[in-house]
Amino acid sequence: MEGTFMTDGKSKSLVAYHEVGHAICGTLTPGHDPVQKVTLVPRGQARGLTWFIPTDDPTLISKQQLFARIVGGLGGRAAEEIIFGEPEVTTGAAGDLQQITSLAKQMVVTFGMSELGPWSLMDSSAQSADVFMRMMARNSKSERLAEDIDSAIKTISNSAYQIALSHIRN
């Protein structure tokens, strides 16, 4: 649903740079889907949106494609930081951060796409990763594994953010 249009000003400029940041990072990152549309017309809760066209089978996604999506997802935040400065980074990237964190977590816990190795860390009887994490926290060995998982998620996110910052700077 279309929301209320933004008036000209800093907010509109910030949202514009944020959305273009997604588009730039998606375009420049190998494995990312191509940009279909970028808009500043608010949709629901979003003040702007960037759409990408999926090019391949959505059920078979490579590690490169997943990582590219994380870079693209961080492009808005990176654009805010580079254009307006770190103190001016806004809460506008909250949804993006939730999505990329979830994707990085899936790469580590479900798909075995991290330095922890090619094995699933999900308990097949668990309904969600949160249940799994609670089960793991019961003993010290599992606490160490939980720390390793968190570290792997952080490593993926941080390296993707550095690439996003570099794309925006360039």
N, C-alpha and C. Protein backbone atom coordinates (compact mmCIF):
# COMPACT_ATOMS: atom_id res chain seq x y z
N MET A 1 0.83 -1.19 0.00
CA MET A 1 0.00 0.00 0.00
C MET A 1 0.87 1.24 0.00
N GLU A 2 0.43 2.21 -0.76
CA GLU A 2 1.16 3.45 -0.84
C GLU A 2 0.94 4.25 0.42
N GLY A 3 2.00 4.81 0.97
CA GLY A 3 1.91 5.61 2.18
C GLY A 3 1.89 7.09 1.87
N THR A 4 2.12 7.90 2.89
CA THR A 4 2.14 9.34 2.74
C THR A 4 3.46 9.78 2.11
N PHE A 5 3.39 10.61 1.08
CA PHE A 5 4.59 11.09 0.42
C PHE A 5 5.41 11.94 1.37
N MET A 6 6.73 11.86 1.23
CA MET A 6 7.63 12.68 2.04
C MET A 6 7.78 14.05 1.38
N THR A 7 7.90 15.06 2.20
CA THR A 7 8.20 16.39 1.67
C THR A 7 9.71 16.48 1.46
N ASP A 8 10.13 17.44 0.65
CA ASP A 8 11.57 17.62 0.43
C ASP A 8 12.24 17.95 1.75
N GLY A 9 13.46 17.54 1.89
CA GLY A 9 14.22 17.83 3.10
C GLY A 9 15.22 16.75 3.37
N LYS A 10 15.80 16.79 4.56
CA LYS A 10 16.86 15.86 4.92
C LYS A 10 16.37 14.41 4.93
N SER A 11 15.15 14.17 5.44
CA SER A 11 14.63 12.81 5.49
C SER A 11 14.51 12.20 4.11
N LYS A 12 13.99 12.97 3.19
CA LYS A 12 13.82 12.47 1.83
C LYS A 12 15.18 12.19 1.20
N SER A 13 16.13 13.08 1.41
CA SER A 13 17.48 12.89 0.89
C SER A 13 18.13 11.65 1.50
N LEU A 14 17.96 11.48 2.80
CA LEU A 14 18.54 10.33 3.49
C LEU A 14 17.96 9.03 2.96
N VAL A 15 16.64 8.99 2.79
CA VAL A 15 15.99 7.78 2.27
C VAL A 15 16.45 7.52 0.84
N ALA A 16 16.60 8.57 0.04
CA ALA A 16 17.06 8.41 -1.33
C ALA A 16 18.46 7.79 -1.37
N TYR A 17 19.37 8.33 -0.59
CA TYR A 17 20.73 7.76 -0.55
C TYR A 17 20.70 6.33 -0.01
N HIS A 18 19.87 6.09 0.98
CA HIS A 18 19.75 4.74 1.56
C HIS A 18 19.34 3.74 0.48
N GLU A 19 18.29 4.06 -0.26
CA GLU A 19 17.80 3.14 -1.28
C GLU A 19 18.79 2.98 -2.43
N VAL A 20 19.42 4.06 -2.84
CA VAL A 20 20.42 3.97 -3.90
C VAL A 20 21.62 3.14 -3.40
N GLY A 21 21.91 3.22 -2.11
CA GLY A 21 22.97 2.39 -1.54
C GLY A 21 22.70 0.91 -1.73
N HIS A 22 21.43 0.50 -1.51
CA HIS A 22 21.06 -0.89 -1.78
C HIS A 22 21.29 -1.23 -3.25
N ALA A 23 20.83 -0.34 -4.13
CA ALA A 23 20.94 -0.59 -5.57
C ALA A 23 22.39 -0.68 -6.03
N ILE A 24 23.23 0.24 -5.55
CA ILE A 24 24.65 0.24 -5.93
C ILE A 24 25.33 -1.04 -5.44
N CYS A 25 25.13 -1.36 -4.17
CA CYS A 25 25.80 -2.54 -3.61
C CYS A 25 25.30 -3.83 -4.27
N GLY A 26 24.01 -3.89 -4.56
CA GLY A 26 23.48 -5.06 -5.27
C GLY A 26 24.06 -5.18 -6.66
N THR A 27 24.17 -4.06 -7.35
CA THR A 27 24.68 -4.06 -8.72
C THR A 27 26.16 -4.42 -8.78
N LEU A 28 26.94 -3.94 -7.83
CA LEU A 28 28.38 -4.14 -7.87
C LEU A 28 28.86 -5.45 -7.24
N THR A 29 27.98 -6.17 -6.58
CA THR A 29 28.39 -7.40 -5.89
C THR A 29 28.08 -8.62 -6.76
N PRO A 30 29.11 -9.38 -7.15
CA PRO A 30 28.88 -10.57 -7.97
C PRO A 30 27.91 -11.53 -7.27
N GLY A 31 26.96 -12.04 -8.05
CA GLY A 31 26.00 -13.00 -7.52
C GLY A 31 24.69 -12.38 -7.08
N HIS A 32 24.63 -11.04 -7.02
CA HIS A 32 23.39 -10.39 -6.58
C HIS A 32 22.41 -10.28 -7.75
N ASP A 33 21.12 -10.37 -7.42
CA ASP A 33 20.08 -10.20 -8.43
C ASP A 33 20.10 -8.76 -8.95
N PRO A 34 19.73 -8.54 -10.23
CA PRO A 34 19.73 -7.18 -10.77
C PRO A 34 18.61 -6.32 -10.19
N VAL A 35 18.86 -5.01 -10.16
CA VAL A 35 17.87 -4.05 -9.66
C VAL A 35 16.69 -3.98 -10.63
N GLN A 36 15.49 -4.02 -10.09
CA GLN A 36 14.29 -3.83 -10.91
C GLN A 36 13.76 -2.41 -10.76
N LYS A 37 13.70 -1.92 -9.52
CA LYS A 37 13.08 -0.62 -9.27
C LYS A 37 13.57 -0.06 -7.94
N VAL A 38 13.73 1.26 -7.91
CA VAL A 38 14.03 1.98 -6.68
C VAL A 38 12.99 3.08 -6.57
N THR A 39 12.38 3.22 -5.40
CA THR A 39 11.35 4.24 -5.24
C THR A 39 11.45 4.93 -3.88
N LEU A 40 11.03 6.18 -3.87
CA LEU A 40 10.88 6.93 -2.62
C LEU A 40 9.41 7.05 -2.24
N VAL A 41 8.55 6.39 -3.00
CA VAL A 41 7.14 6.38 -2.64
C VAL A 41 7.00 5.41 -1.47
N PRO A 42 6.58 5.91 -0.31
CA PRO A 42 6.47 5.03 0.86
C PRO A 42 5.48 3.88 0.62
N ARG A 43 5.86 2.71 1.10
CA ARG A 43 5.01 1.51 1.00
C ARG A 43 4.88 0.92 2.39
N GLY A 44 3.69 0.98 2.96
CA GLY A 44 3.50 0.47 4.32
C GLY A 44 4.39 1.22 5.29
N GLN A 45 5.20 0.47 6.05
CA GLN A 45 6.11 1.06 7.02
C GLN A 45 7.37 1.62 6.36
N ALA A 46 7.70 1.11 5.16
CA ALA A 46 8.94 1.51 4.49
C ALA A 46 8.79 2.90 3.87
N ARG A 47 9.81 3.71 4.01
CA ARG A 47 9.79 5.07 3.44
C ARG A 47 10.33 5.08 2.02
N GLY A 48 10.94 4.00 1.61
CA GLY A 48 11.43 3.80 0.26
C GLY A 48 11.75 2.33 0.09
N LEU A 49 11.85 1.87 -1.14
CA LEU A 49 12.11 0.45 -1.38
C LEU A 49 13.00 0.28 -2.60
N THR A 50 13.78 -0.79 -2.58
CA THR A 50 14.56 -1.21 -3.73
C THR A 50 14.18 -2.66 -4.01
N TRP A 51 13.71 -2.91 -5.24
CA TRP A 51 13.33 -4.26 -5.65
C TRP A 51 14.41 -4.83 -6.55
N PHE A 52 14.62 -6.14 -6.40
CA PHE A 52 15.56 -6.87 -7.24
C PHE A 52 14.82 -7.98 -7.97
N ILE A 53 15.25 -8.30 -9.19
CA ILE A 53 14.63 -9.36 -9.99
C ILE A 53 15.41 -10.65 -9.77
N PRO A 54 14.78 -11.67 -9.19
CA PRO A 54 15.49 -12.95 -9.04
C PRO A 54 15.76 -13.55 -10.42
N THR A 55 17.00 -14.00 -10.63
CA THR A 55 17.38 -14.51 -11.94
C THR A 55 17.40 -16.03 -12.01
N ASP A 56 17.60 -16.70 -10.92
CA ASP A 56 17.74 -18.15 -10.93
C ASP A 56 16.66 -18.81 -10.09
N ASP A 57 16.75 -20.11 -9.98
CA ASP A 57 15.83 -20.91 -9.17
C ASP A 57 15.91 -20.44 -7.71
N PRO A 58 14.80 -19.92 -7.16
CA PRO A 58 14.85 -19.41 -5.78
C PRO A 58 15.03 -20.48 -4.71
N THR A 59 14.95 -21.75 -5.10
CA THR A 59 15.13 -22.81 -4.10
C THR A 59 16.58 -23.28 -4.01
N LEU A 60 17.41 -22.90 -4.98
CA LEU A 60 18.83 -23.25 -4.96
C LEU A 60 19.65 -21.98 -5.01
N ILE A 61 20.10 -21.54 -3.85
CA ILE A 61 20.83 -20.28 -3.75
C ILE A 61 22.24 -20.58 -3.27
N SER A 62 23.21 -20.06 -4.00
CA SER A 62 24.61 -20.34 -3.67
C SER A 62 25.09 -19.48 -2.50
N LYS A 63 26.22 -19.87 -1.95
CA LYS A 63 26.87 -19.10 -0.89
C LYS A 63 27.17 -17.69 -1.39
N GLN A 64 27.68 -17.58 -2.63
CA GLN A 64 27.98 -16.27 -3.21
C GLN A 64 26.72 -15.41 -3.28
N GLN A 65 25.60 -15.99 -3.70
CA GLN A 65 24.35 -15.24 -3.81
C GLN A 65 23.85 -14.78 -2.43
N LEU A 66 23.94 -15.65 -1.44
CA LEU A 66 23.51 -15.29 -0.09
C LEU A 66 24.37 -14.15 0.46
N PHE A 67 25.68 -14.26 0.28
CA PHE A 67 26.58 -13.22 0.75
C PHE A 67 26.30 -11.90 0.02
N ALA A 68 26.05 -11.98 -1.29
CA ALA A 68 25.74 -10.78 -2.07
C ALA A 68 24.48 -10.11 -1.55
N ARG A 69 23.49 -10.89 -1.16
CA ARG A 69 22.27 -10.31 -0.59
C ARG A 69 22.55 -9.59 0.72
N ILE A 70 23.48 -10.11 1.49
CA ILE A 70 23.85 -9.44 2.74
C ILE A 70 24.54 -8.12 2.43
N VAL A 71 25.46 -8.13 1.47
CA VAL A 71 26.13 -6.89 1.06
C VAL A 71 25.09 -5.88 0.58
N GLY A 72 24.18 -6.31 -0.28
CA GLY A 72 23.13 -5.42 -0.78
C GLY A 72 22.25 -4.89 0.32
N GLY A 73 21.91 -5.75 1.28
CA GLY A 73 21.09 -5.34 2.41
C GLY A 73 21.76 -4.30 3.29
N LEU A 74 23.09 -4.34 3.34
CA LEU A 74 23.84 -3.37 4.14
C LEU A 74 24.17 -2.09 3.36
N GLY A 75 23.86 -2.08 2.08
CA GLY A 75 24.17 -0.92 1.24
C GLY A 75 23.49 0.36 1.70
N GLY A 76 22.27 0.26 2.20
CA GLY A 76 21.57 1.45 2.68
C GLY A 76 22.25 2.06 3.89
N ARG A 77 22.60 1.22 4.83
CA ARG A 77 23.31 1.68 6.04
C ARG A 77 24.67 2.27 5.67
N ALA A 78 25.37 1.59 4.75
CA ALA A 78 26.68 2.08 4.32
C ALA A 78 26.56 3.45 3.66
N ALA A 79 25.54 3.64 2.84
CA ALA A 79 25.34 4.93 2.17
C ALA A 79 25.07 6.03 3.19
N GLU A 80 24.25 5.73 4.19
CA GLU A 80 23.99 6.72 5.24
C GLU A 80 25.30 7.13 5.91
N GLU A 81 26.12 6.14 6.24
CA GLU A 81 27.38 6.42 6.95
C GLU A 81 28.35 7.22 6.09
N ILE A 82 28.52 6.83 4.83
CA ILE A 82 29.48 7.49 3.96
C ILE A 82 29.01 8.90 3.58
N ILE A 83 27.75 9.06 3.25
CA ILE A 83 27.24 10.35 2.78
C ILE A 83 27.03 11.34 3.92
N PHE A 84 26.45 10.89 5.02
CA PHE A 84 26.07 11.80 6.10
C PHE A 84 26.99 11.74 7.31
N GLY A 85 27.84 10.72 7.40
CA GLY A 85 28.75 10.56 8.53
C GLY A 85 28.17 9.60 9.56
N GLU A 86 29.05 8.91 10.25
CA GLU A 86 28.65 7.88 11.22
C GLU A 86 27.68 8.40 12.28
N PRO A 87 27.85 9.62 12.79
CA PRO A 87 26.89 10.11 13.80
C PRO A 87 25.47 10.31 13.27
N GLU A 88 25.32 10.40 11.94
CA GLU A 88 24.00 10.63 11.34
C GLU A 88 23.32 9.36 10.85
N VAL A 89 23.92 8.18 11.10
CA VAL A 89 23.28 6.92 10.73
C VAL A 89 21.97 6.84 11.49
N THR A 90 20.89 6.40 10.79
CA THR A 90 19.56 6.41 11.38
C THR A 90 19.06 5.01 11.71
N THR A 91 17.86 4.97 12.26
CA THR A 91 17.19 3.71 12.56
C THR A 91 16.54 3.11 11.32
N GLY A 92 16.65 3.79 10.19
CA GLY A 92 16.04 3.33 8.95
C GLY A 92 16.50 1.97 8.49
N ALA A 93 17.66 1.54 8.92
CA ALA A 93 18.21 0.25 8.49
C ALA A 93 17.82 -0.89 9.43
N ALA A 94 16.96 -0.65 10.41
CA ALA A 94 16.63 -1.69 11.39
C ALA A 94 16.10 -2.96 10.73
N GLY A 95 15.17 -2.81 9.81
CA GLY A 95 14.62 -3.97 9.12
C GLY A 95 15.67 -4.68 8.28
N ASP A 96 16.52 -3.89 7.62
CA ASP A 96 17.61 -4.47 6.83
C ASP A 96 18.54 -5.29 7.72
N LEU A 97 18.86 -4.74 8.89
CA LEU A 97 19.78 -5.43 9.81
C LEU A 97 19.18 -6.74 10.31
N GLN A 98 17.88 -6.74 10.58
CA GLN A 98 17.22 -7.98 10.99
C GLN A 98 17.30 -9.03 9.89
N GLN A 99 17.05 -8.60 8.65
CA GLN A 99 17.08 -9.53 7.52
C GLN A 99 18.48 -10.09 7.28
N ILE A 100 19.49 -9.22 7.29
CA ILE A 100 20.83 -9.72 6.99
C ILE A 100 21.36 -10.59 8.13
N THR A 101 21.00 -10.26 9.36
CA THR A 101 21.43 -11.10 10.49
C THR A 101 20.79 -12.47 10.39
N SER A 102 19.52 -12.51 10.04
CA SER A 102 18.82 -13.79 9.87
C SER A 102 19.45 -14.60 8.73
N LEU A 103 19.79 -13.94 7.65
CA LEU A 103 20.41 -14.62 6.51
C LEU A 103 21.79 -15.16 6.88
N ALA A 104 22.59 -14.34 7.57
CA ALA A 104 23.91 -14.79 8.01
C ALA A 104 23.79 -15.97 8.97
N LYS A 105 22.80 -15.91 9.85
CA LYS A 105 22.58 -17.00 10.80
C LYS A 105 22.21 -18.29 10.06
N GLN A 106 21.37 -18.18 9.04
CA GLN A 106 21.01 -19.36 8.24
C GLN A 106 22.24 -19.92 7.54
N MET A 107 23.10 -19.03 7.03
CA MET A 107 24.31 -19.50 6.37
C MET A 107 25.15 -20.35 7.33
N VAL A 108 25.24 -19.91 8.58
CA VAL A 108 26.08 -20.60 9.57
C VAL A 108 25.39 -21.85 10.12
N VAL A 109 24.16 -21.68 10.58
CA VAL A 109 23.48 -22.72 11.35
C VAL A 109 22.79 -23.77 10.47
N THR A 110 22.20 -23.34 9.37
CA THR A 110 21.39 -24.25 8.55
C THR A 110 22.14 -24.79 7.35
N PHE A 111 22.90 -23.92 6.66
CA PHE A 111 23.50 -24.30 5.39
C PHE A 111 24.97 -24.69 5.48
N GLY A 112 25.60 -24.55 6.63
CA GLY A 112 27.00 -24.93 6.79
C GLY A 112 27.94 -24.13 5.92
N MET A 113 27.64 -22.82 5.77
CA MET A 113 28.42 -21.95 4.89
C MET A 113 29.24 -20.94 5.69
N SER A 114 30.09 -21.45 6.58
CA SER A 114 30.96 -20.58 7.37
C SER A 114 32.23 -21.33 7.71
N GLU A 115 33.11 -20.65 8.44
CA GLU A 115 34.36 -21.30 8.82
C GLU A 115 34.15 -22.43 9.83
N LEU A 116 32.93 -22.56 10.36
CA LEU A 116 32.67 -23.67 11.29
C LEU A 116 32.58 -25.00 10.57
N GLY A 117 32.41 -24.95 9.27
CA GLY A 117 32.43 -26.17 8.48
C GLY A 117 31.09 -26.51 7.85
N PRO A 118 31.12 -27.48 6.95
CA PRO A 118 29.93 -27.85 6.20
C PRO A 118 29.03 -28.83 6.95
N TRP A 119 28.47 -28.36 8.04
CA TRP A 119 27.53 -29.20 8.78
C TRP A 119 26.44 -28.34 9.38
N SER A 120 25.25 -28.93 9.48
CA SER A 120 24.11 -28.21 10.01
C SER A 120 24.17 -28.22 11.53
N LEU A 121 23.94 -27.06 12.12
CA LEU A 121 23.98 -26.94 13.57
C LEU A 121 22.57 -26.88 14.15
N MET A 122 21.58 -27.14 13.30
CA MET A 122 20.19 -27.14 13.75
C MET A 122 19.84 -28.51 14.31
N ASP A 123 19.14 -28.51 15.42
CA ASP A 123 18.59 -29.74 15.96
C ASP A 123 17.31 -30.01 15.19
N SER A 124 17.22 -31.16 14.52
CA SER A 124 16.06 -31.44 13.67
C SER A 124 14.76 -31.46 14.46
N SER A 125 14.82 -31.68 15.77
CA SER A 125 13.59 -31.68 16.57
C SER A 125 13.22 -30.28 17.05
N ALA A 126 14.13 -29.31 16.89
CA ALA A 126 13.86 -27.94 17.35
C ALA A 126 12.96 -27.23 16.35
N GLN A 127 12.06 -26.40 16.86
CA GLN A 127 11.16 -25.65 16.01
C GLN A 127 11.84 -24.41 15.44
N SER A 128 12.81 -23.86 16.13
CA SER A 128 13.48 -22.66 15.65
C SER A 128 14.91 -22.64 16.16
N ALA A 129 15.70 -21.75 15.57
CA ALA A 129 17.08 -21.61 16.02
C ALA A 129 17.14 -21.15 17.46
N ASP A 130 16.13 -20.36 17.90
CA ASP A 130 16.13 -19.89 19.28
C ASP A 130 15.99 -21.06 20.25
N VAL A 131 15.14 -22.02 19.92
CA VAL A 131 15.01 -23.22 20.76
C VAL A 131 16.34 -23.96 20.79
N PHE A 132 16.96 -24.08 19.62
CA PHE A 132 18.25 -24.75 19.53
C PHE A 132 19.28 -24.06 20.40
N MET A 133 19.31 -22.74 20.34
CA MET A 133 20.28 -21.99 21.13
C MET A 133 20.05 -22.21 22.63
N ARG A 134 18.80 -22.26 23.05
CA ARG A 134 18.52 -22.52 24.47
C ARG A 134 18.99 -23.92 24.86
N MET A 135 18.77 -24.88 23.97
CA MET A 135 19.20 -26.25 24.26
C MET A 135 20.72 -26.32 24.35
N MET A 136 21.39 -25.60 23.47
CA MET A 136 22.86 -25.63 23.46
C MET A 136 23.44 -25.01 24.72
N ALA A 137 22.77 -24.03 25.28
CA ALA A 137 23.31 -23.30 26.41
C ALA A 137 23.32 -24.11 27.69
N ARG A 138 22.86 -25.34 27.64
CA ARG A 138 22.77 -26.16 28.86
C ARG A 138 24.12 -26.63 29.37
N ASN A 139 25.11 -26.71 28.53
CA ASN A 139 26.41 -27.14 29.03
C ASN A 139 27.52 -26.29 28.42
N SER A 140 28.70 -26.35 29.02
CA SER A 140 29.78 -25.44 28.62
C SER A 140 30.26 -25.72 27.20
N LYS A 141 30.26 -26.96 26.77
CA LYS A 141 30.67 -27.27 25.41
C LYS A 141 29.73 -26.58 24.43
N SER A 142 28.44 -26.62 24.72
CA SER A 142 27.46 -25.99 23.86
C SER A 142 27.57 -24.47 23.91
N GLU A 143 27.93 -23.93 25.07
CA GLU A 143 28.13 -22.48 25.17
C GLU A 143 29.26 -22.05 24.26
N ARG A 144 30.30 -22.84 24.19
CA ARG A 144 31.43 -22.53 23.30
C ARG A 144 30.95 -22.56 21.84
N LEU A 145 30.13 -23.54 21.48
CA LEU A 145 29.61 -23.63 20.12
C LEU A 145 28.71 -22.42 19.82
N ALA A 146 27.90 -22.01 20.78
CA ALA A 146 27.05 -20.83 20.60
C ALA A 146 27.91 -19.59 20.34
N GLU A 147 29.01 -19.45 21.07
CA GLU A 147 29.93 -18.33 20.85
C GLU A 147 30.56 -18.39 19.46
N ASP A 148 30.91 -19.60 19.02
CA ASP A 148 31.49 -19.78 17.69
C ASP A 148 30.47 -19.40 16.61
N ILE A 149 29.21 -19.78 16.81
CA ILE A 149 28.15 -19.43 15.86
C ILE A 149 27.99 -17.92 15.80
N ASP A 150 27.91 -17.28 16.96
CA ASP A 150 27.78 -15.82 17.00
C ASP A 150 28.97 -15.16 16.31
N SER A 151 30.15 -15.68 16.53
CA SER A 151 31.36 -15.13 15.92
C SER A 151 31.31 -15.28 14.39
N ALA A 152 30.86 -16.44 13.91
CA ALA A 152 30.78 -16.67 12.46
C ALA A 152 29.75 -15.74 11.82
N ILE A 153 28.62 -15.53 12.50
CA ILE A 153 27.60 -14.60 11.99
C ILE A 153 28.17 -13.19 11.93
N LYS A 154 28.87 -12.80 12.97
CA LYS A 154 29.49 -11.47 13.02
C LYS A 154 30.54 -11.31 11.92
N THR A 155 31.33 -12.33 11.69
CA THR A 155 32.35 -12.29 10.65
C THR A 155 31.72 -12.08 9.27
N ILE A 156 30.67 -12.82 8.97
CA ILE A 156 29.98 -12.66 7.68
C ILE A 156 29.43 -11.25 7.55
N SER A 157 28.73 -10.78 8.58
CA SER A 157 28.11 -9.46 8.53
C SER A 157 29.16 -8.35 8.42
N ASN A 158 30.21 -8.44 9.22
CA ASN A 158 31.25 -7.40 9.19
C ASN A 158 31.98 -7.35 7.86
N SER A 159 32.30 -8.52 7.29
CA SER A 159 33.02 -8.50 6.00
C SER A 159 32.09 -7.98 4.90
N ALA A 160 30.80 -8.31 4.96
CA ALA A 160 29.85 -7.78 3.98
C ALA A 160 29.71 -6.27 4.13
N TYR A 161 29.73 -5.78 5.35
CA TYR A 161 29.61 -4.33 5.57
C TYR A 161 30.83 -3.59 5.04
N GLN A 162 32.01 -4.18 5.20
CA GLN A 162 33.22 -3.55 4.66
C GLN A 162 33.16 -3.46 3.14
N ILE A 163 32.62 -4.48 2.50
CA ILE A 163 32.46 -4.46 1.04
C ILE A 163 31.43 -3.39 0.66
N ALA A 164 30.32 -3.32 1.40
CA ALA A 164 29.31 -2.30 1.11
C ALA A 164 29.89 -0.90 1.26
N LEU A 165 30.63 -0.66 2.32
CA LEU A 165 31.27 0.65 2.51
C LEU A 165 32.21 0.96 1.35
N SER A 166 32.98 -0.02 0.91
CA SER A 166 33.90 0.18 -0.20
C SER A 166 33.15 0.51 -1.50
N HIS A 167 32.06 -0.21 -1.77
CA HIS A 167 31.25 0.08 -2.96
C HIS A 167 30.75 1.52 -2.93
N ILE A 168 30.26 1.97 -1.79
CA ILE A 168 29.70 3.30 -1.69
C ILE A 168 30.80 4.36 -1.80
N ARG A 169 31.94 4.13 -1.15
CA ARG A 169 33.06 5.07 -1.26
C ARG A 169 33.49 5.23 -2.71
N ASN A 170 33.61 4.11 -3.40
CA ASN A 170 34.06 4.12 -4.80
C ASN A 170 33.01 4.75 -5.70
